[in-house]
Amino acid sequence: ALGCKYLRICHLNNCATGVATQDEKLRKNHYHGLPFKVTNYFEFIAREVRELMASLGVTRLVDLIGRTDLLKELEGFTAKQQKLALSRLLETAEPHPGKALYCTENNPPFDNGVLNAQLLQQAKPFIDARQSKPFWFDIRNTDRSVGASLSGYIAQTHGDQGLASDPIKAHFSGTAGQSFGVWNAGGVELYLTGDANDYVGKGMAGGLIAIRPPVGSAFLSHKASIIGNTSLYGATGGRLYAAGRAGERFGVRNSGAITVVEGIGDNGCEYMTGGIVCVLGKTGVNFGAGMTGGFAYVLDEDGEFRKRVNPELVEVLDVDSLAIHEEHLRGLITEHVQHTGSQRGEEILSWWASFSSPFAVVKPKASDLNAQCGHR
């Protein structure tokens, strides 16, 4: 309905029909999908389903559940197919009296989104008035997708970047549940003192997420995890700073967000098409697999990072041979320290002459590194 031709190159950012790409030229010149085409497609599906159901004498889809009497066994063409005995699969199930053939019990979600509702309720008047305002909350690991309702209302009211100059600043203390800062919009700044589970910043489009450990923590931030797996998945914009390590699959399919973390697990920056990732510590293996856009800075203290990179589509350069990127990297780390108070970041900046040399830059082989510093 939208023009997809199943070329199986969705991860390369060069989709010939402009569907699975952030390349503005490809989208402008080749993408011809329109919402009404999707609507028409599903209307045609619904119409054909109704016709098939009418031919079977059925008016509701649920009435088809368990109706194996409407199926018939085909003879099969090959010798193996003809030996298949499917009769037992076509037996009619007989539930207990008063019981249905399918689950009819209500399954309400455990998480009622109480914290999300509180945040939106308190912030709503200030969003409507375009007035920046700070808020403070405690958070626990059962509070999931915190910030989603706030971002949704801002995007609905002002557009996804419409409140960027007058942000709502929400400060949290504790352990955040999954998907903290999901779909973060411009105009949403989330500050967390504690740690967070998986999917931090998933699909974020703008704004800021800053996560730091509690004051007085005894552990070294670059050796301890502060956010979970698959963080920044599919992000298109915004900034994420985390004074600690992230889990596996960090920044997968990132296409525009800028981030600084202090270590990541396996499969980092996989299928990345844009944005900037800065890692102030060790990475796992298979870094940069399928990466076709954006770039990454990685601190390679032990000299082993190149062995953990997937070299199919990317190449690794030294930062100290690229003056403009050395200064750009220093600026990113400075912002990281400002937002998180990172001791690791302060150490690197204090001993910059020693730390700048081990930094590596990872970029797609086909891209121009100097043309990629303009992400928002």
Protein backbone atom coordinates (compact mmCIF):
# COMPACT_ATOMS: atom_id res chain seq x y z
CA ALA A 1 0.00 0.00 0.00
CA LEU A 2 2.92 2.36 0.65
CA GLY A 3 5.03 1.18 -2.28
CA CYS A 4 7.26 -1.47 -0.66
CA LYS A 5 8.77 -3.87 -3.22
CA TYR A 6 10.33 -6.29 -0.69
CA LEU A 7 13.89 -5.56 -1.80
CA ARG A 8 15.22 -6.79 1.59
CA ILE A 9 17.58 -3.83 2.04
CA CYS A 10 15.64 -2.09 4.83
CA HIS A 11 18.72 -2.01 7.09
CA LEU A 12 20.96 -0.23 4.54
CA ASN A 13 19.14 3.15 4.51
CA ASN A 14 19.02 3.17 0.69
CA CYS A 15 15.49 1.86 0.12
CA ALA A 16 14.71 2.36 -3.57
CA THR A 17 11.06 3.18 -2.85
CA GLY A 18 11.83 5.63 -0.03
CA VAL A 19 9.90 3.63 2.57
CA ALA A 20 12.64 2.37 4.92
CA THR A 21 15.09 5.25 4.85
CA GLN A 22 15.87 8.59 6.49
CA ASP A 23 17.59 9.84 3.31
CA GLU A 24 15.60 12.96 2.39
CA LYS A 25 16.46 12.68 -1.33
CA LEU A 26 15.23 9.11 -1.55
CA ARG A 27 12.07 9.96 0.37
CA LYS A 28 11.37 13.03 -1.78
CA ASN A 29 12.05 11.40 -5.15
CA HIS A 30 10.77 7.86 -4.65
CA TYR A 31 8.24 7.70 -1.81
CA HIS A 32 4.68 7.93 -3.10
CA GLY A 33 2.74 6.39 -0.24
CA LEU A 34 -0.36 8.16 1.04
CA PRO A 35 -2.51 7.41 4.12
CA PHE A 36 -5.64 6.74 2.07
CA LYS A 37 -3.82 3.93 0.23
CA VAL A 38 -3.27 2.12 3.52
CA THR A 39 -6.91 2.71 4.45
CA ASN A 40 -8.07 1.33 1.11
CA TYR A 41 -5.83 -1.72 1.45
CA PHE A 42 -7.31 -2.71 4.80
CA GLU A 43 -10.84 -1.96 3.60
CA PHE A 44 -10.30 -4.40 0.73
CA ILE A 45 -8.99 -7.02 3.18
CA ALA A 46 -12.03 -6.53 5.42
CA ARG A 47 -14.39 -6.78 2.44
CA GLU A 48 -12.88 -10.04 1.23
CA VAL A 49 -12.95 -11.49 4.76
CA ARG A 50 -16.67 -10.62 5.03
CA GLU A 51 -17.35 -12.31 1.69
CA LEU A 52 -15.52 -15.47 2.78
CA MET A 53 -17.35 -15.52 6.12
CA ALA A 54 -20.70 -15.04 4.39
CA SER A 55 -19.99 -18.02 2.14
CA LEU A 56 -19.39 -20.07 5.31
CA GLY A 57 -22.54 -18.81 7.00
CA VAL A 58 -20.62 -17.01 9.76
CA THR A 59 -21.19 -13.42 10.89
CA ARG A 60 -18.44 -12.96 13.52
CA LEU A 61 -14.75 -13.88 13.51
CA VAL A 62 -15.00 -15.40 17.00
CA ASP A 63 -17.58 -17.85 15.66
CA LEU A 64 -14.85 -19.38 13.48
CA ILE A 65 -12.75 -20.42 16.49
CA GLY A 66 -12.73 -24.20 16.78
CA ARG A 67 -14.76 -24.74 13.58
CA THR A 68 -12.50 -27.46 12.19
CA ASP A 69 -15.54 -28.84 10.39
CA LEU A 70 -15.07 -26.00 7.90
CA LEU A 71 -11.63 -27.31 6.96
CA LYS A 72 -10.88 -30.18 4.64
CA GLU A 73 -7.75 -32.21 4.14
CA LEU A 74 -5.97 -31.93 0.78
CA GLU A 75 -4.51 -35.08 -0.71
CA GLY A 76 -1.05 -33.68 -1.33
CA PHE A 77 1.18 -33.97 -4.37
CA THR A 78 4.39 -35.60 -3.12
CA ALA A 79 4.83 -39.00 -1.51
CA LYS A 80 5.70 -37.38 1.82
CA GLN A 81 2.63 -35.14 1.73
CA GLN A 82 0.37 -38.09 0.97
CA LYS A 83 1.65 -39.94 4.05
CA LEU A 84 0.70 -37.10 6.41
CA ALA A 85 -2.17 -37.96 8.75
CA LEU A 86 -3.97 -34.74 9.65
CA SER A 87 -7.24 -36.17 10.90
CA ARG A 88 -6.43 -35.60 14.58
CA LEU A 89 -5.75 -31.93 13.88
CA LEU A 90 -9.27 -31.63 12.49
CA GLU A 91 -11.06 -33.12 15.49
CA THR A 92 -13.66 -30.85 17.05
CA ALA A 93 -12.81 -29.74 20.57
CA GLU A 94 -15.57 -30.08 23.15
CA PRO A 95 -15.10 -27.67 26.07
CA HIS A 96 -16.77 -28.10 29.44
CA PRO A 97 -20.40 -26.94 29.63
CA GLY A 98 -20.60 -23.17 29.91
CA LYS A 99 -17.02 -22.71 28.72
CA ALA A 100 -15.96 -21.08 25.45
CA LEU A 101 -13.36 -22.39 22.99
CA TYR A 102 -11.24 -19.30 23.58
CA CYS A 103 -10.15 -17.15 26.51
CA THR A 104 -12.93 -14.82 27.61
CA GLU A 105 -11.43 -13.57 30.90
CA ASN A 106 -10.43 -9.94 31.18
CA ASN A 107 -6.68 -9.34 31.56
CA PRO A 108 -6.19 -5.80 32.89
CA PRO A 109 -2.59 -4.51 32.84
CA PHE A 110 -0.70 -4.49 36.13
CA ASP A 111 0.72 -1.05 35.38
CA ASN A 112 -2.06 1.55 35.33
CA GLY A 113 0.33 4.35 34.39
CA VAL A 114 -0.21 6.27 37.63
CA LEU A 115 3.09 8.16 37.49
CA ASN A 116 2.54 9.02 33.83
CA ALA A 117 -0.89 10.40 34.69
CA GLN A 118 0.46 12.45 37.61
CA LEU A 119 3.22 13.94 35.48
CA LEU A 120 0.87 14.88 32.67
CA GLN A 121 -1.77 16.29 35.03
CA GLN A 122 0.73 18.58 36.76
CA ALA A 123 2.50 19.64 33.55
CA LYS A 124 -0.54 20.16 31.32
CA PRO A 125 -1.31 23.79 32.29
CA PHE A 126 2.32 24.77 31.66
CA ILE A 127 2.40 22.96 28.32
CA ASP A 128 -0.72 24.80 27.21
CA ALA A 129 0.81 28.11 28.31
CA ARG A 130 4.21 27.30 26.73
CA GLN A 131 5.88 27.83 30.09
CA SER A 132 8.94 25.88 31.22
CA LYS A 133 8.48 24.20 34.60
CA PRO A 134 10.43 21.71 36.78
CA PHE A 135 8.80 18.79 38.62
CA TRP A 136 10.10 16.18 41.08
CA PHE A 137 8.95 12.58 41.56
CA ASP A 138 10.04 9.29 43.09
CA ILE A 139 10.10 6.41 40.62
CA ARG A 140 10.16 2.60 40.93
CA ASN A 141 10.72 -0.28 38.54
CA THR A 142 6.99 -0.88 38.10
CA ASP A 143 6.64 2.60 36.57
CA ARG A 144 6.96 1.85 32.87
CA SER A 145 7.06 4.10 29.79
CA VAL A 146 7.36 7.18 32.00
CA GLY A 147 7.22 10.32 29.89
CA ALA A 148 5.23 8.76 27.06
CA SER A 149 1.94 10.49 27.88
CA LEU A 150 3.72 13.80 28.38
CA SER A 151 5.51 13.55 25.02
CA GLY A 152 2.30 12.50 23.31
CA TYR A 153 0.39 15.50 24.61
CA ILE A 154 3.19 17.90 23.65
CA ALA A 155 3.40 16.45 20.14
CA GLN A 156 -0.37 16.62 19.78
CA THR A 157 -0.53 20.20 21.03
CA HIS A 158 2.65 21.81 19.69
CA GLY A 159 4.30 19.26 17.39
CA ASP A 160 7.17 16.95 18.32
CA GLN A 161 9.66 19.86 18.52
CA GLY A 162 7.20 22.67 19.23
CA LEU A 163 8.05 23.06 22.92
CA ALA A 164 11.82 22.64 22.64
CA SER A 165 12.54 26.21 23.74
CA ASP A 166 10.24 25.96 26.80
CA PRO A 167 10.88 22.45 28.13
CA ILE A 168 9.10 20.59 30.88
CA LYS A 169 11.85 19.36 33.24
CA ALA A 170 10.96 16.24 35.22
CA HIS A 171 13.39 15.06 37.92
CA PHE A 172 13.14 11.48 39.19
CA SER A 173 14.81 9.56 41.98
CA GLY A 174 14.88 5.75 42.11
CA THR A 175 14.84 2.87 39.64
CA ALA A 176 12.85 3.43 36.46
CA GLY A 177 10.94 0.60 34.82
CA GLN A 178 11.18 -0.34 31.16
CA SER A 179 11.01 2.25 28.39
CA PHE A 180 11.93 5.31 30.47
CA GLY A 181 11.72 8.32 28.14
CA VAL A 182 10.14 6.34 25.31
CA TRP A 183 9.20 8.52 22.29
CA ASN A 184 10.65 11.54 24.07
CA ALA A 185 9.54 14.73 22.32
CA GLY A 186 11.30 18.05 21.99
CA GLY A 187 10.34 20.01 25.09
CA VAL A 188 10.71 17.05 27.47
CA GLU A 189 13.79 16.86 29.70
CA LEU A 190 13.97 13.84 32.01
CA TYR A 191 16.58 13.74 34.79
CA LEU A 192 16.97 10.49 36.72
CA THR A 193 19.12 9.92 39.79
CA GLY A 194 19.33 6.15 40.10
CA ASP A 195 19.15 3.64 37.26
CA ALA A 196 16.77 2.38 34.59
CA ASN A 197 15.72 -0.88 32.95
CA ASP A 198 15.63 -1.75 29.23
CA TYR A 199 14.57 0.48 26.32
CA VAL A 200 15.61 3.87 27.72
CA GLY A 201 14.93 6.52 25.07
CA LYS A 202 13.31 4.05 22.68
CA GLY A 203 12.10 5.93 19.62
CA MET A 204 12.95 9.30 21.16
CA ALA A 205 12.51 12.21 18.75
CA GLY A 206 13.94 15.10 20.75
CA GLY A 207 14.48 16.56 24.18
CA LEU A 208 16.94 15.31 26.77
CA ILE A 209 17.40 12.28 29.03
CA ALA A 210 20.14 12.45 31.69
CA ILE A 211 20.82 9.59 34.12
CA ARG A 212 23.31 9.63 36.98
CA PRO A 213 24.06 7.40 39.98
CA PRO A 214 23.14 8.62 43.49
CA VAL A 215 25.62 10.91 45.22
CA GLY A 216 28.13 8.93 47.24
CA SER A 217 27.93 5.74 45.15
CA ALA A 218 30.95 3.54 45.85
CA PHE A 219 31.21 1.94 42.39
CA LEU A 220 33.05 3.27 39.34
CA SER A 221 30.44 4.46 36.86
CA HIS A 222 32.21 3.12 33.75
CA LYS A 223 32.32 -0.36 35.31
CA ALA A 224 28.69 -0.55 36.46
CA SER A 225 25.47 -0.67 34.43
CA ILE A 226 23.05 2.22 34.83
CA ILE A 227 20.62 1.47 31.96
CA GLY A 228 19.46 -1.83 30.46
CA ASN A 229 19.41 -3.44 27.03
CA THR A 230 18.20 -2.03 23.71
CA SER A 231 18.32 1.58 24.83
CA LEU A 232 17.94 4.33 22.21
CA TYR A 233 16.34 1.80 19.87
CA GLY A 234 15.04 3.50 16.72
CA ALA A 235 15.68 7.02 18.05
CA THR A 236 15.36 9.88 15.56
CA GLY A 237 16.57 12.83 17.64
CA GLY A 238 17.28 14.22 21.08
CA ARG A 239 20.15 13.62 23.52
CA LEU A 240 20.83 10.88 26.05
CA TYR A 241 23.56 11.12 28.69
CA ALA A 242 24.11 8.21 31.09
CA ALA A 243 26.90 8.18 33.69
CA GLY A 244 27.38 4.43 33.57
CA ARG A 245 27.30 1.44 31.26
CA ALA A 246 24.44 0.44 28.97
CA GLY A 247 23.42 -3.11 28.07
CA GLU A 248 23.40 -4.93 24.76
CA ARG A 249 22.07 -3.64 21.43
CA PHE A 250 22.62 -0.03 22.39
CA GLY A 251 21.66 2.50 19.71
CA VAL A 252 20.27 -0.12 17.32
CA ARG A 253 18.65 1.65 14.34
CA ASN A 254 19.52 5.04 15.78
CA SER A 255 18.90 7.58 13.04
CA GLY A 256 19.47 10.95 14.69
CA ALA A 257 19.99 10.94 18.47
CA ILE A 258 23.21 12.08 20.14
CA THR A 259 24.37 10.14 23.18
CA VAL A 260 27.23 9.66 25.63
CA VAL A 261 27.47 6.52 27.78
CA GLU A 262 30.37 4.92 29.62
CA GLY A 263 30.32 1.40 28.18
CA ILE A 264 27.98 -0.92 26.25
CA GLY A 265 27.39 -4.62 25.58
CA ASP A 266 27.32 -6.60 22.32
CA ASN A 267 25.82 -5.45 19.00
CA GLY A 268 26.16 -1.72 19.67
CA CYS A 269 25.11 0.71 16.90
CA GLU A 270 23.68 -2.14 14.84
CA TYR A 271 21.85 -0.92 11.70
CA MET A 272 22.49 2.69 12.74
CA THR A 273 21.67 5.21 10.00
CA GLY A 274 22.32 8.54 11.71
CA GLY A 275 23.18 10.30 14.95
CA ILE A 276 26.28 10.27 17.14
CA VAL A 277 27.22 7.70 19.79
CA CYS A 278 30.08 8.31 22.24
CA VAL A 279 31.26 5.44 24.47
CA LEU A 280 33.66 6.29 27.30
CA GLY A 281 34.54 2.66 28.00
CA LYS A 282 34.51 -0.87 26.65
CA THR A 283 32.08 -2.23 24.09
CA GLY A 284 30.95 -5.76 23.38
CA VAL A 285 31.49 -7.62 20.12
CA ASN A 286 29.87 -7.07 16.71
CA PHE A 287 29.96 -3.29 17.06
CA GLY A 288 28.64 -1.39 14.03
CA ALA A 289 27.10 -4.37 12.21
CA GLY A 290 24.94 -3.06 9.37
CA MET A 291 25.79 0.55 10.27
CA THR A 292 25.20 2.81 7.25
CA GLY A 293 25.03 6.31 8.75
CA GLY A 294 26.08 8.48 11.66
CA PHE A 295 29.31 7.78 13.52
CA ALA A 296 30.64 6.76 16.92
CA TYR A 297 33.48 7.72 19.24
CA VAL A 298 34.83 4.88 21.38
CA LEU A 299 37.51 5.04 24.09
CA ASP A 300 39.88 2.17 23.28
CA GLU A 301 42.08 2.04 26.36
CA ASP A 302 43.17 -1.59 25.98
CA GLY A 303 43.75 -1.41 22.21
CA GLU A 304 41.33 -4.30 21.62
CA PHE A 305 38.35 -2.38 20.25
CA ARG A 306 39.09 -3.01 16.57
CA LYS A 307 38.77 -6.75 17.24
CA ARG A 308 35.23 -6.20 18.50
CA VAL A 309 34.07 -4.26 15.43
CA ASN A 310 32.12 -5.84 12.58
CA PRO A 311 34.17 -4.55 9.61
CA GLU A 312 31.72 -5.35 6.82
CA LEU A 313 30.34 -1.82 6.40
CA VAL A 314 32.41 0.38 8.74
CA GLU A 315 35.99 1.51 9.23
CA VAL A 316 37.84 2.66 12.34
CA LEU A 317 39.97 5.82 12.44
CA ASP A 318 42.00 7.55 15.17
CA VAL A 319 40.45 10.69 16.65
CA ASP A 320 43.79 12.43 17.23
CA SER A 321 44.36 12.46 13.45
CA LEU A 322 41.14 14.44 12.96
CA ALA A 323 41.41 17.83 14.69
CA ILE A 324 37.79 18.89 14.16
CA HIS A 325 36.51 15.63 15.61
CA GLU A 326 38.84 15.77 18.58
CA GLU A 327 37.33 19.14 19.50
CA HIS A 328 33.82 17.89 18.80
CA LEU A 329 34.39 14.86 21.04
CA ARG A 330 35.69 17.06 23.83
CA GLY A 331 32.54 19.17 23.61
CA LEU A 332 30.30 16.09 23.86
CA ILE A 333 32.09 14.87 26.98
CA THR A 334 31.83 18.35 28.51
CA GLU A 335 28.04 18.29 27.98
CA HIS A 336 27.95 14.79 29.48
CA VAL A 337 29.68 16.03 32.64
CA GLN A 338 27.38 19.07 32.86
CA HIS A 339 24.23 16.93 32.73
CA THR A 340 25.34 13.92 34.80
CA GLY A 341 28.27 15.05 36.96
CA SER A 342 30.18 12.06 35.57
CA GLN A 343 33.46 11.41 37.38
CA ARG A 344 34.63 9.39 34.40
CA GLY A 345 33.99 12.33 32.11
CA GLU A 346 35.79 14.71 34.46
CA GLU A 347 38.79 12.37 34.58
CA ILE A 348 39.00 12.23 30.78
CA LEU A 349 38.74 16.01 30.42
CA SER A 350 41.33 16.61 33.16
CA TRP A 351 43.83 14.32 31.44
CA TRP A 352 42.80 15.09 27.88
CA ALA A 353 46.29 14.84 26.41
CA SER A 354 46.51 11.24 27.61
CA PHE A 355 42.94 10.18 26.85
CA SER A 356 42.46 11.74 23.41
CA SER A 357 44.89 9.36 21.67
CA PRO A 358 43.07 6.08 22.51
CA PHE A 359 39.74 7.36 21.14
CA ALA A 360 38.61 5.78 17.88
CA VAL A 361 36.02 6.97 15.36
CA VAL A 362 33.75 4.42 13.70
CA LYS A 363 32.07 5.48 10.48
CA PRO A 364 30.43 3.79 7.49
CA LYS A 365 32.95 3.21 4.72
CA ALA A 366 30.76 5.02 2.21
CA SER A 367 30.17 8.18 4.29
CA ASP A 368 31.99 11.50 4.58
CA LEU A 369 32.94 11.91 8.23
CA ASN A 370 33.29 15.70 8.15
CA ALA A 371 29.75 16.11 6.81
CA GLN A 372 28.09 14.33 9.75
CA CYS A 373 28.48 16.74 12.67
CA GLY A 374 25.21 18.59 12.06
CA HIS A 375 22.70 16.32 13.85
CA ARG A 376 20.35 18.07 16.24
